[in-house]
Amino acid sequence: MNRLNLKLLCIGFMFSASTYFTACKSKPKDTEVTKDTVSTVPIEPTPAPVEIAADDSLKTGVRDATKDYPGVKAEVNNGEITLTGDIQRTKLPKLMQSLNTLRPKKINNQLTIK
């Protein structure tokens, strides 16, 4: 390096160091403890419990969901849906999705897949 570059480098370093120390002058150090400081921990809200549909409304929903599937029989007992009968493999995901939107406790799938 030539002398001019070395001088510019030293001047730049001195300027940045002085800027750093004056900018951080008013900030408290990490080791300082102040009596006015109160730390708070954010409290996350608890999620709402999953609601399970009552049997009467669940039976109505199941009847509507299975009306397009003639080989499928469904029974509702204590919030659980029990499926019996036959269904095509391509139609099963759509049926299960519509039944899950009813929020039952459990779906007992005993269907025979064609």
PDB file of N, CA and C in Angstrom:
ATOM      1  N   MET A   1       0.840  -1.180   0.000  1.00  0.00           N
ATOM      2  CA  MET A   1       0.000   0.000   0.000  1.00  0.00           C
ATOM      3  C   MET A   1       0.879   1.235   0.000  1.00  0.00           C
ATOM      4  N   ASN A   2       0.427   2.211  -0.692  1.00  0.00           N
ATOM      5  CA  ASN A   2       1.212   3.450  -0.660  1.00  0.00           C
ATOM      6  C   ASN A   2       0.780   4.294   0.526  1.00  0.00           C
ATOM      7  N   ARG A   3       1.491   5.346   0.764  1.00  0.00           N
ATOM      8  CA  ARG A   3       1.289   6.172   1.961  1.00  0.00           C
ATOM      9  C   ARG A   3      -0.082   6.841   1.972  1.00  0.00           C
ATOM     10  N   LEU A   4      -0.566   7.263   0.804  1.00  0.00           N
ATOM     11  CA  LEU A   4      -1.848   7.955   0.741  1.00  0.00           C
ATOM     12  C   LEU A   4      -2.988   7.003   1.121  1.00  0.00           C
ATOM     13  N   ASN A   5      -2.937   5.800   0.588  1.00  0.00           N
ATOM     14  CA  ASN A   5      -3.970   4.816   0.948  1.00  0.00           C
ATOM     15  C   ASN A   5      -3.917   4.474   2.436  1.00  0.00           C
ATOM     16  N   LEU A   6      -2.727   4.375   2.976  1.00  0.00           N
ATOM     17  CA  LEU A   6      -2.573   4.066   4.395  1.00  0.00           C
ATOM     18  C   LEU A   6      -3.133   5.188   5.261  1.00  0.00           C
ATOM     19  N   LYS A   7      -2.880   6.459   4.873  1.00  0.00           N
ATOM     20  CA  LYS A   7      -3.413   7.590   5.629  1.00  0.00           C
ATOM     21  C   LYS A   7      -4.945   7.601   5.569  1.00  0.00           C
ATOM     22  N   LEU A   8      -5.494   7.370   4.385  1.00  0.00           N
ATOM     23  CA  LEU A   8      -6.951   7.361   4.236  1.00  0.00           C
ATOM     24  C   LEU A   8      -7.575   6.234   5.051  1.00  0.00           C
ATOM     25  N   LEU A   9      -6.926   5.107   5.075  1.00  0.00           N
ATOM     26  CA  LEU A   9      -7.422   3.987   5.854  1.00  0.00           C
ATOM     27  C   LEU A   9      -7.417   4.306   7.338  1.00  0.00           C
ATOM     28  N   CYS A  10      -6.355   4.907   7.828  1.00  0.00           N
ATOM     29  CA  CYS A  10      -6.271   5.276   9.245  1.00  0.00           C
ATOM     30  C   CYS A  10      -7.309   6.331   9.599  1.00  0.00           C
ATOM     31  N   ILE A  11      -7.498   7.318   8.737  1.00  0.00           N
ATOM     32  CA  ILE A  11      -8.486   8.370   8.996  1.00  0.00           C
ATOM     33  C   ILE A  11      -9.899   7.767   9.018  1.00  0.00           C
ATOM     34  N   GLY A  12     -10.168   6.889   8.090  1.00  0.00           N
ATOM     35  CA  GLY A  12     -11.477   6.240   8.050  1.00  0.00           C
ATOM     36  C   GLY A  12     -11.735   5.408   9.289  1.00  0.00           C
ATOM     37  N   PHE A  13     -10.724   4.692   9.744  1.00  0.00           N
ATOM     38  CA  PHE A  13     -10.864   3.892  10.957  1.00  0.00           C
ATOM     39  C   PHE A  13     -11.116   4.767  12.174  1.00  0.00           C
ATOM     40  N   MET A  14     -10.384   5.831  12.299  1.00  0.00           N
ATOM     41  CA  MET A  14     -10.540   6.733  13.440  1.00  0.00           C
ATOM     42  C   MET A  14     -11.926   7.379  13.430  1.00  0.00           C
ATOM     43  N   PHE A  15     -12.412   7.754  12.242  1.00  0.00           N
ATOM     44  CA  PHE A  15     -13.736   8.357  12.135  1.00  0.00           C
ATOM     45  C   PHE A  15     -14.825   7.366  12.531  1.00  0.00           C
ATOM     46  N   SER A  16     -14.722   6.140  12.030  1.00  0.00           N
ATOM     47  CA  SER A  16     -15.762   5.150  12.349  1.00  0.00           C
ATOM     48  C   SER A  16     -15.724   4.764  13.822  1.00  0.00           C
ATOM     49  N   ALA A  17     -14.537   4.685  14.407  1.00  0.00           N
ATOM     50  CA  ALA A  17     -14.423   4.346  15.819  1.00  0.00           C
ATOM     51  C   ALA A  17     -14.999   5.456  16.683  1.00  0.00           C
ATOM     52  N   SER A  18     -14.733   6.721  16.337  1.00  0.00           N
ATOM     53  CA  SER A  18     -15.260   7.822  17.142  1.00  0.00           C
ATOM     54  C   SER A  18     -16.783   7.909  17.005  1.00  0.00           C
ATOM     55  N   THR A  19     -17.289   7.622  15.814  1.00  0.00           N
ATOM     56  CA  THR A  19     -18.742   7.624  15.618  1.00  0.00           C
ATOM     57  C   THR A  19     -19.390   6.518  16.440  1.00  0.00           C
ATOM     58  N   TYR A  20     -18.784   5.371  16.477  1.00  0.00           N
ATOM     59  CA  TYR A  20     -19.324   4.237  17.224  1.00  0.00           C
ATOM     60  C   TYR A  20     -19.393   4.548  18.713  1.00  0.00           C
ATOM     61  N   PHE A  21     -18.299   5.064  19.264  1.00  0.00           N
ATOM     62  CA  PHE A  21     -18.254   5.299  20.703  1.00  0.00           C
ATOM     63  C   PHE A  21     -19.164   6.443  21.127  1.00  0.00           C
ATOM     64  N   THR A  22     -19.333   7.464  20.304  1.00  0.00           N
ATOM     65  CA  THR A  22     -20.230   8.555  20.687  1.00  0.00           C
ATOM     66  C   THR A  22     -21.684   8.144  20.509  1.00  0.00           C
ATOM     67  N   ALA A  23     -21.982   7.290  19.549  1.00  0.00           N
ATOM     68  CA  ALA A  23     -23.367   6.862  19.330  1.00  0.00           C
ATOM     69  C   ALA A  23     -23.837   5.940  20.443  1.00  0.00           C
ATOM     70  N   CYS A  24     -22.962   5.171  21.034  1.00  0.00           N
ATOM     71  CA  CYS A  24     -23.329   4.215  22.072  1.00  0.00           C
ATOM     72  C   CYS A  24     -23.152   4.776  23.474  1.00  0.00           C
ATOM     73  N   LYS A  25     -22.773   6.047  23.568  1.00  0.00           N
ATOM     74  CA  LYS A  25     -22.469   6.644  24.852  1.00  0.00           C
ATOM     75  C   LYS A  25     -23.692   6.691  25.779  1.00  0.00           C
ATOM     76  N   SER A  26     -24.869   7.006  25.231  1.00  0.00           N
ATOM     77  CA  SER A  26     -26.048   7.178  26.073  1.00  0.00           C
ATOM     78  C   SER A  26     -26.778   5.870  26.367  1.00  0.00           C
ATOM     79  N   LYS A  27     -26.412   4.795  25.713  1.00  0.00           N
ATOM     80  CA  LYS A  27     -27.068   3.519  25.944  1.00  0.00           C
ATOM     81  C   LYS A  27     -26.520   2.862  27.204  1.00  0.00           C
ATOM     82  N   PRO A  28     -27.390   2.215  27.998  1.00  0.00           N
ATOM     83  CA  PRO A  28     -26.872   1.522  29.186  1.00  0.00           C
ATOM     84  C   PRO A  28     -26.078   0.288  28.786  1.00  0.00           C
ATOM     85  N   LYS A  29     -25.090  -0.009  29.552  1.00  0.00           N
ATOM     86  CA  LYS A  29     -24.273  -1.188  29.282  1.00  0.00           C
ATOM     87  C   LYS A  29     -25.046  -2.436  29.674  1.00  0.00           C
ATOM     88  N   ASP A  30     -24.654  -3.558  29.105  1.00  0.00           N
ATOM     89  CA  ASP A  30     -25.318  -4.813  29.410  1.00  0.00           C
ATOM     90  C   ASP A  30     -25.178  -5.207  30.876  1.00  0.00           C
ATOM     91  N   THR A  31     -24.070  -4.777  31.506  1.00  0.00           N
ATOM     92  CA  THR A  31     -23.834  -5.177  32.885  1.00  0.00           C
ATOM     93  C   THR A  31     -24.532  -4.267  33.882  1.00  0.00           C
ATOM     94  N   GLU A  32     -25.058  -3.106  33.426  1.00  0.00           N
ATOM     95  CA  GLU A  32     -25.742  -2.196  34.333  1.00  0.00           C
ATOM     96  C   GLU A  32     -27.116  -2.752  34.700  1.00  0.00           C
ATOM     97  N   VAL A  33     -27.492  -2.577  35.939  1.00  0.00           N
ATOM     98  CA  VAL A  33     -28.811  -2.992  36.387  1.00  0.00           C
ATOM     99  C   VAL A  33     -29.518  -1.744  36.887  1.00  0.00           C
ATOM    100  N   THR A  34     -30.658  -1.457  36.311  1.00  0.00           N
ATOM    101  CA  THR A  34     -31.414  -0.298  36.765  1.00  0.00           C
ATOM    102  C   THR A  34     -32.641  -0.769  37.515  1.00  0.00           C
ATOM    103  N   LYS A  35     -33.063   0.010  38.494  1.00  0.00           N
ATOM    104  CA  LYS A  35     -34.207  -0.359  39.312  1.00  0.00           C
ATOM    105  C   LYS A  35     -35.524  -0.090  38.600  1.00  0.00           C
ATOM    106  N   ASP A  36     -35.500   0.771  37.589  1.00  0.00           N
ATOM    107  CA  ASP A  36     -36.727   1.138  36.892  1.00  0.00           C
ATOM    108  C   ASP A  36     -37.110   0.125  35.819  1.00  0.00           C
ATOM    109  N   THR A  37     -36.256  -0.820  35.542  1.00  0.00           N
ATOM    110  CA  THR A  37     -36.507  -1.761  34.465  1.00  0.00           C
ATOM    111  C   THR A  37     -37.436  -2.874  34.939  1.00  0.00           C
ATOM    112  N   VAL A  38     -38.480  -3.106  34.166  1.00  0.00           N
ATOM    113  CA  VAL A  38     -39.410  -4.193  34.449  1.00  0.00           C
ATOM    114  C   VAL A  38     -39.473  -5.049  33.200  1.00  0.00           C
ATOM    115  N   SER A  39     -39.141  -6.305  33.343  1.00  0.00           N
ATOM    116  CA  SER A  39     -39.204  -7.178  32.184  1.00  0.00           C
ATOM    117  C   SER A  39     -40.563  -7.837  32.144  1.00  0.00           C
ATOM    118  N   THR A  40     -41.116  -7.873  30.966  1.00  0.00           N
ATOM    119  CA  THR A  40     -42.420  -8.514  30.797  1.00  0.00           C
ATOM    120  C   THR A  40     -42.285  -9.632  29.788  1.00  0.00           C
ATOM    121  N   VAL A  41     -42.995 -10.678  30.046  1.00  0.00           N
ATOM    122  CA  VAL A  41     -43.014 -11.823  29.152  1.00  0.00           C
ATOM    123  C   VAL A  41     -44.376 -11.832  28.478  1.00  0.00           C
ATOM    124  N   PRO A  42     -44.404 -11.799  27.136  1.00  0.00           N
ATOM    125  CA  PRO A  42     -45.710 -11.794  26.479  1.00  0.00           C
ATOM    126  C   PRO A  42     -46.456 -13.095  26.748  1.00  0.00           C
ATOM    127  N   ILE A  43     -47.724 -12.967  27.032  1.00  0.00           N
ATOM    128  CA  ILE A  43     -48.555 -14.132  27.310  1.00  0.00           C
ATOM    129  C   ILE A  43     -49.336 -14.466  26.057  1.00  0.00           C
ATOM    130  N   GLU A  44     -49.171 -15.683  25.597  1.00  0.00           N
ATOM    131  CA  GLU A  44     -49.879 -16.124  24.406  1.00  0.00           C
ATOM    132  C   GLU A  44     -51.275 -16.582  24.793  1.00  0.00           C
ATOM    133  N   PRO A  45     -52.256 -16.198  23.999  1.00  0.00           N
ATOM    134  CA  PRO A  45     -53.612 -16.649  24.334  1.00  0.00           C
ATOM    135  C   PRO A  45     -53.743 -18.150  24.146  1.00  0.00           C
ATOM    136  N   THR A  46     -54.521 -18.756  25.020  1.00  0.00           N
ATOM    137  CA  THR A  46     -54.730 -20.192  24.909  1.00  0.00           C
ATOM    138  C   THR A  46     -55.702 -20.460  23.763  1.00  0.00           C
ATOM    139  N   PRO A  47     -55.444 -21.483  22.980  1.00  0.00           N
ATOM    140  CA  PRO A  47     -56.347 -21.769  21.867  1.00  0.00           C
ATOM    141  C   PRO A  47     -57.704 -22.237  22.377  1.00  0.00           C
ATOM    142  N   ALA A  48     -58.711 -21.914  21.605  1.00  0.00           N
ATOM    143  CA  ALA A  48     -60.068 -22.323  21.979  1.00  0.00           C
ATOM    144  C   ALA A  48     -60.185 -23.835  21.861  1.00  0.00           C
ATOM    145  N   PRO A  49     -60.904 -24.467  22.750  1.00  0.00           N
ATOM    146  CA  PRO A  49     -61.058 -25.923  22.666  1.00  0.00           C
ATOM    147  C   PRO A  49     -61.860 -26.298  21.424  1.00  0.00           C
ATOM    148  N   VAL A  50     -61.557 -27.454  20.895  1.00  0.00           N
ATOM    149  CA  VAL A  50     -62.264 -27.941  19.716  1.00  0.00           C
ATOM    150  C   VAL A  50     -63.662 -28.346  20.133  1.00  0.00           C
ATOM    151  N   GLU A  51     -64.631 -27.797  19.443  1.00  0.00           N
ATOM    152  CA  GLU A  51     -66.017 -28.121  19.773  1.00  0.00           C
ATOM    153  C   GLU A  51     -66.453 -29.368  19.026  1.00  0.00           C
ATOM    154  N   ILE A  52     -67.109 -30.255  19.735  1.00  0.00           N
ATOM    155  CA  ILE A  52     -67.612 -31.484  19.139  1.00  0.00           C
ATOM    156  C   ILE A  52     -69.117 -31.326  18.984  1.00  0.00           C
ATOM    157  N   ALA A  53     -69.584 -31.589  17.776  1.00  0.00           N
ATOM    158  CA  ALA A  53     -70.996 -31.377  17.481  1.00  0.00           C
ATOM    159  C   ALA A  53     -71.881 -32.341  18.265  1.00  0.00           C
ATOM    160  N   ALA A  54     -73.078 -31.877  18.615  1.00  0.00           N
ATOM    161  CA  ALA A  54     -74.059 -32.726  19.293  1.00  0.00           C
ATOM    162  C   ALA A  54     -74.592 -33.752  18.303  1.00  0.00           C
ATOM    163  N   ASP A  55     -75.081 -34.871  18.826  1.00  0.00           N
ATOM    164  CA  ASP A  55     -75.527 -35.970  17.963  1.00  0.00           C
ATOM    165  C   ASP A  55     -76.634 -35.562  16.992  1.00  0.00           C
ATOM    166  N   ASP A  56     -77.599 -34.757  17.435  1.00  0.00           N
ATOM    167  CA  ASP A  56     -78.706 -34.386  16.547  1.00  0.00           C
ATOM    168  C   ASP A  56     -78.225 -33.587  15.339  1.00  0.00           C
ATOM    169  N   SER A  57     -77.414 -32.576  15.585  1.00  0.00           N
ATOM    170  CA  SER A  57     -76.908 -31.784  14.456  1.00  0.00           C
ATOM    171  C   SER A  57     -75.913 -32.600  13.634  1.00  0.00           C
ATOM    172  N   LEU A  58     -75.182 -33.479  14.298  1.00  0.00           N
ATOM    173  CA  LEU A  58     -74.234 -34.337  13.593  1.00  0.00           C
ATOM    174  C   LEU A  58     -74.970 -35.317  12.682  1.00  0.00           C
ATOM    175  N   LYS A  59     -76.075 -35.867  13.150  1.00  0.00           N
ATOM    176  CA  LYS A  59     -76.856 -36.789  12.319  1.00  0.00           C
ATOM    177  C   LYS A  59     -77.384 -36.094  11.074  1.00  0.00           C
ATOM    178  N   THR A  60     -77.865 -34.871  11.229  1.00  0.00           N
ATOM    179  CA  THR A  60     -78.358 -34.108  10.077  1.00  0.00           C
ATOM    180  C   THR A  60     -77.235 -33.847   9.080  1.00  0.00           C
ATOM    181  N   GLY A  61     -76.079 -33.448   9.584  1.00  0.00           N
ATOM    182  CA  GLY A  61     -74.932 -33.184   8.714  1.00  0.00           C
ATOM    183  C   GLY A  61     -74.443 -34.432   8.007  1.00  0.00           C
ATOM    184  N   VAL A  62     -74.422 -35.554   8.715  1.00  0.00           N
ATOM    185  CA  VAL A  62     -73.977 -36.827   8.126  1.00  0.00           C
ATOM    186  C   VAL A  62     -74.954 -37.269   7.041  1.00  0.00           C
ATOM    187  N   ARG A  63     -76.243 -37.092   7.308  1.00  0.00           N
ATOM    188  CA  ARG A  63     -77.256 -37.468   6.317  1.00  0.00           C
ATOM    189  C   ARG A  63     -77.056 -36.657   5.021  1.00  0.00           C
ATOM    190  N   ASP A  64     -76.801 -35.344   5.176  1.00  0.00           N
ATOM    191  CA  ASP A  64     -76.568 -34.496   4.000  1.00  0.00           C
ATOM    192  C   ASP A  64     -75.271 -34.865   3.280  1.00  0.00           C
ATOM    193  N   ALA A  65     -74.233 -35.197   4.050  1.00  0.00           N
ATOM    194  CA  ALA A  65     -72.927 -35.498   3.455  1.00  0.00           C
ATOM    195  C   ALA A  65     -72.921 -36.829   2.717  1.00  0.00           C
ATOM    196  N   THR A  66     -73.716 -37.786   3.175  1.00  0.00           N
ATOM    197  CA  THR A  66     -73.685 -39.119   2.564  1.00  0.00           C
ATOM    198  C   THR A  66     -74.799 -39.358   1.546  1.00  0.00           C
ATOM    199  N   LYS A  67     -75.641 -38.364   1.304  1.00  0.00           N
ATOM    200  CA  LYS A  67     -76.777 -38.580   0.390  1.00  0.00           C
ATOM    201  C   LYS A  67     -76.338 -38.865  -1.047  1.00  0.00           C
ATOM    202  N   ASP A  68     -75.164 -38.382  -1.441  1.00  0.00           N
ATOM    203  CA  ASP A  68     -74.670 -38.604  -2.806  1.00  0.00           C
ATOM    204  C   ASP A  68     -73.878 -39.904  -2.943  1.00  0.00           C
ATOM    205  N   TYR A  69     -73.801 -40.687  -1.896  1.00  0.00           N
ATOM    206  CA  TYR A  69     -73.050 -41.943  -1.886  1.00  0.00           C
ATOM    207  C   TYR A  69     -74.011 -43.082  -1.526  1.00  0.00           C
ATOM    208  N   PRO A  70     -74.674 -43.679  -2.529  1.00  0.00           N
ATOM    209  CA  PRO A  70     -75.722 -44.657  -2.258  1.00  0.00           C
ATOM    210  C   PRO A  70     -75.245 -45.927  -1.545  1.00  0.00           C
ATOM    211  N   GLY A  71     -74.006 -46.342  -1.687  1.00  0.00           N
ATOM    212  CA  GLY A  71     -73.534 -47.567  -1.051  1.00  0.00           C
ATOM    213  C   GLY A  71     -73.027 -47.365   0.360  1.00  0.00           C
ATOM    214  N   VAL A  72     -73.055 -46.120   0.859  1.00  0.00           N
ATOM    215  CA  VAL A  72     -72.485 -45.808   2.169  1.00  0.00           C
ATOM    216  C   VAL A  72     -73.603 -45.658   3.202  1.00  0.00           C
ATOM    217  N   LYS A  73     -73.442 -46.341   4.329  1.00  0.00           N
ATOM    218  CA  LYS A  73     -74.363 -46.206   5.458  1.00  0.00           C
ATOM    219  C   LYS A  73     -73.575 -45.586   6.612  1.00  0.00           C
ATOM    220  N   ALA A  74     -74.191 -44.646   7.315  1.00  0.00           N
ATOM    221  CA  ALA A  74     -73.508 -43.964   8.418  1.00  0.00           C
ATOM    222  C   ALA A  74     -74.385 -43.952   9.658  1.00  0.00           C
ATOM    223  N   GLU A  75     -73.757 -44.198  10.797  1.00  0.00           N
ATOM    224  CA  GLU A  75     -74.438 -44.146  12.085  1.00  0.00           C
ATOM    225  C   GLU A  75     -73.688 -43.176  12.991  1.00  0.00           C
ATOM    226  N   VAL A  76     -74.423 -42.444  13.813  1.00  0.00           N
ATOM    227  CA  VAL A  76     -73.826 -41.490  14.750  1.00  0.00           C
ATOM    228  C   VAL A  76     -74.173 -41.926  16.162  1.00  0.00           C
ATOM    229  N   ASN A  77     -73.139 -42.023  17.018  1.00  0.00           N
ATOM    230  CA  ASN A  77     -73.336 -42.404  18.407  1.00  0.00           C
ATOM    231  C   ASN A  77     -72.255 -41.751  19.261  1.00  0.00           C
ATOM    232  N   ASN A  78     -72.666 -40.942  20.244  1.00  0.00           N
ATOM    233  CA  ASN A  78     -71.738 -40.250  21.153  1.00  0.00           C
ATOM    234  C   ASN A  78     -70.695 -39.417  20.408  1.00  0.00           C
ATOM    235  N   GLY A  79     -71.099 -38.762  19.350  1.00  0.00           N
ATOM    236  CA  GLY A  79     -70.184 -37.891  18.604  1.00  0.00           C
ATOM    237  C   GLY A  79     -69.271 -38.615  17.645  1.00  0.00           C
ATOM    238  N   GLU A  80     -69.418 -39.923  17.525  1.00  0.00           N
ATOM    239  CA  GLU A  80     -68.595 -40.709  16.607  1.00  0.00           C
ATOM    240  C   GLU A  80     -69.432 -41.142  15.411  1.00  0.00           C
ATOM    241  N   ILE A  81     -68.816 -41.087  14.232  1.00  0.00           N
ATOM    242  CA  ILE A  81     -69.476 -41.514  12.997  1.00  0.00           C
ATOM    243  C   ILE A  81     -68.893 -42.860  12.597  1.00  0.00           C
ATOM    244  N   THR A  82     -69.759 -43.845  12.346  1.00  0.00           N
ATOM    245  CA  THR A  82     -69.314 -45.158  11.882  1.00  0.00           C
ATOM    246  C   THR A  82     -69.826 -45.341  10.455  1.00  0.00           C
ATOM    247  N   LEU A  83     -68.895 -45.559   9.528  1.00  0.00           N
ATOM    248  CA  LEU A  83     -69.234 -45.738   8.116  1.00  0.00           C
ATOM    249  C   LEU A  83     -69.137 -47.211   7.747  1.00  0.00           C
ATOM    250  N   THR A  84     -70.171 -47.709   7.068  1.00  0.00           N
ATOM    251  CA  THR A  84     -70.160 -49.078   6.559  1.00  0.00           C
ATOM    252  C   THR A  84     -70.675 -49.062   5.136  1.00  0.00           C
ATOM    253  N   GLY A  85     -70.412 -50.124   4.393  1.00  0.00           N
ATOM    254  CA  GLY A  85     -70.872 -50.216   3.016  1.00  0.00           C
ATOM    255  C   GLY A  85     -69.716 -50.181   2.034  1.00  0.00           C
ATOM    256  N   ASP A  86     -70.026 -49.796   0.790  1.00  0.00           N
ATOM    257  CA  ASP A  86     -69.033 -49.773  -0.288  1.00  0.00           C
ATOM    258  C   ASP A  86     -68.886 -48.359  -0.838  1.00  0.00           C
ATOM    259  N   ILE A  87     -67.662 -48.041  -1.281  1.00  0.00           N
ATOM    260  CA  ILE A  87     -67.399 -46.747  -1.906  1.00  0.00           C
ATOM    261  C   ILE A  87     -66.246 -46.908  -2.889  1.00  0.00           C
ATOM    262  N   GLN A  88     -66.239 -46.082  -3.931  1.00  0.00           N
ATOM    263  CA  GLN A  88     -65.127 -46.084  -4.883  1.00  0.00           C
ATOM    264  C   GLN A  88     -63.965 -45.301  -4.284  1.00  0.00           C
ATOM    265  N   ARG A  89     -62.760 -45.728  -4.589  1.00  0.00           N
ATOM    266  CA  ARG A  89     -61.556 -45.107  -4.036  1.00  0.00           C
ATOM    267  C   ARG A  89     -61.482 -43.616  -4.349  1.00  0.00           C
ATOM    268  N   THR A  90     -61.920 -43.222  -5.537  1.00  0.00           N
ATOM    269  CA  THR A  90     -61.824 -41.806  -5.933  1.00  0.00           C
ATOM    270  C   THR A  90     -62.809 -40.922  -5.171  1.00  0.00           C
ATOM    271  N   LYS A  91     -63.883 -41.486  -4.645  1.00  0.00           N
ATOM    272  CA  LYS A  91     -64.888 -40.704  -3.934  1.00  0.00           C
ATOM    273  C   LYS A  91     -64.633 -40.616  -2.425  1.00  0.00           C
ATOM    274  N   LEU A  92     -63.799 -41.483  -1.899  1.00  0.00           N
ATOM    275  CA  LEU A  92     -63.555 -41.531  -0.458  1.00  0.00           C
ATOM    276  C   LEU A  92     -62.978 -40.227   0.110  1.00  0.00           C
ATOM    277  N   PRO A  93     -61.954 -39.611  -0.505  1.00  0.00           N
ATOM    278  CA  PRO A  93     -61.408 -38.380   0.090  1.00  0.00           C
ATOM    279  C   PRO A  93     -62.447 -37.257   0.215  1.00  0.00           C
ATOM    280  N   LYS A  94     -63.293 -37.114  -0.779  1.00  0.00           N
ATOM    281  CA  LYS A  94     -64.306 -36.059  -0.728  1.00  0.00           C
ATOM    282  C   LYS A  94     -65.310 -36.320   0.400  1.00  0.00           C
ATOM    283  N   LEU A  95     -65.710 -37.570   0.578  1.00  0.00           N
ATOM    284  CA  LEU A  95     -66.629 -37.924   1.657  1.00  0.00           C
ATOM    285  C   LEU A  95     -65.995 -37.657   3.021  1.00  0.00           C
ATOM    286  N   MET A  96     -64.748 -38.089   3.201  1.00  0.00           N
ATOM    287  CA  MET A  96     -64.069 -37.898   4.481  1.00  0.00           C
ATOM    288  C   MET A  96     -63.882 -36.414   4.794  1.00  0.00           C
ATOM    289  N   GLN A  97     -63.580 -35.637   3.784  1.00  0.00           N
ATOM    290  CA  GLN A  97     -63.405 -34.202   3.984  1.00  0.00           C
ATOM    291  C   GLN A  97     -64.717 -33.557   4.439  1.00  0.00           C
ATOM    292  N   SER A  98     -65.822 -33.915   3.809  1.00  0.00           N
ATOM    293  CA  SER A  98     -67.102 -33.324   4.199  1.00  0.00           C
ATOM    294  C   SER A  98     -67.525 -33.792   5.593  1.00  0.00           C
ATOM    295  N   LEU A  99     -67.199 -35.014   5.974  1.00  0.00           N
ATOM    296  CA  LEU A  99     -67.525 -35.492   7.318  1.00  0.00           C
ATOM    297  C   LEU A  99     -66.654 -34.823   8.389  1.00  0.00           C
ATOM    298  N   ASN A 100     -65.395 -34.571   8.074  1.00  0.00           N
ATOM    299  CA  ASN A 100     -64.493 -33.912   9.031  1.00  0.00           C
ATOM    300  C   ASN A 100     -64.916 -32.482   9.319  1.00  0.00           C
ATOM    301  N   THR A 101     -65.549 -31.815   8.364  1.00  0.00           N
ATOM    302  CA  THR A 101     -66.003 -30.444   8.611  1.00  0.00           C
ATOM    303  C   THR A 101     -67.128 -30.394   9.648  1.00  0.00           C
ATOM    304  N   LEU A 102     -67.760 -31.530   9.914  1.00  0.00           N
ATOM    305  CA  LEU A 102     -68.822 -31.595  10.918  1.00  0.00           C
ATOM    306  C   LEU A 102     -68.269 -31.673  12.342  1.00  0.00           C
ATOM    307  N   ARG A 103     -66.981 -31.863  12.488  1.00  0.00           N
ATOM    308  CA  ARG A 103     -66.261 -31.936  13.771  1.00  0.00           C
ATOM    309  C   ARG A 103     -66.747 -33.048  14.697  1.00  0.00           C
ATOM    310  N   PRO A 104     -66.717 -34.282  14.221  1.00  0.00           N
ATOM    311  CA  PRO A 104     -67.066 -35.392  15.113  1.00  0.00           C
ATOM    312  C   PRO A 104     -65.889 -35.723  16.027  1.00  0.00           C
ATOM    313  N   LYS A 105     -66.145 -36.492  17.082  1.00  0.00           N
ATOM    314  CA  LYS A 105     -65.048 -36.966  17.938  1.00  0.00           C
ATOM    315  C   LYS A 105     -64.121 -37.866  17.133  1.00  0.00           C
ATOM    316  N   LYS A 106     -64.739 -38.739  16.341  1.00  0.00           N
ATOM    317  CA  LYS A 106     -63.968 -39.737  15.625  1.00  0.00           C
ATOM    318  C   LYS A 106     -64.794 -40.237  14.434  1.00  0.00           C
ATOM    319  N   ILE A 107     -64.105 -40.676  13.379  1.00  0.00           N
ATOM    320  CA  ILE A 107     -64.771 -41.305  12.248  1.00  0.00           C
ATOM    321  C   ILE A 107     -64.235 -42.729  12.154  1.00  0.00           C
ATOM    322  N   ASN A 108     -65.116 -43.693  12.367  1.00  0.00           N
ATOM    323  CA  ASN A 108     -64.749 -45.093  12.242  1.00  0.00           C
ATOM    324  C   ASN A 108     -65.035 -45.524  10.811  1.00  0.00           C
ATOM    325  N   ASN A 109     -63.999 -45.639  10.009  1.00  0.00           N
ATOM    326  CA  ASN A 109     -64.157 -45.983   8.590  1.00  0.00           C
ATOM    327  C   ASN A 109     -64.073 -47.497   8.430  1.00  0.00           C
ATOM    328  N   GLN A 110     -65.228 -48.111   8.201  1.00  0.00           N
ATOM    329  CA  GLN A 110     -65.294 -49.556   7.966  1.00  0.00           C
ATOM    330  C   GLN A 110     -65.790 -49.824   6.555  1.00  0.00           C
ATOM    331  N   LEU A 111     -65.549 -48.877   5.670  1.00  0.00           N
ATOM    332  CA  LEU A 111     -66.013 -49.009   4.283  1.00  0.00           C
ATOM    333  C   LEU A 111     -65.168 -49.991   3.504  1.00  0.00           C
ATOM    334  N   THR A 112     -65.816 -50.666   2.554  1.00  0.00           N
ATOM    335  CA  THR A 112     -65.103 -51.534   1.606  1.00  0.00           C
ATOM    336  C   THR A 112     -64.841 -50.695   0.370  1.00  0.00           C
ATOM    337  N   ILE A 113     -63.575 -50.592  -0.009  1.00  0.00           N
ATOM    338  CA  ILE A 113     -63.202 -49.761  -1.141  1.00  0.00           C
ATOM    339  C   ILE A 113     -63.189 -50.620  -2.397  1.00  0.00           C
ATOM    340  N   LYS A 114     -63.890 -50.131  -3.405  1.00  0.00           N
ATOM    341  CA  LYS A 114     -63.987 -50.873  -4.683  1.00  0.00           C
ATOM    342  C   LYS A 114     -62.849 -50.487  -5.586  1.00  0.00           C
TER     343      LYS A 114
END
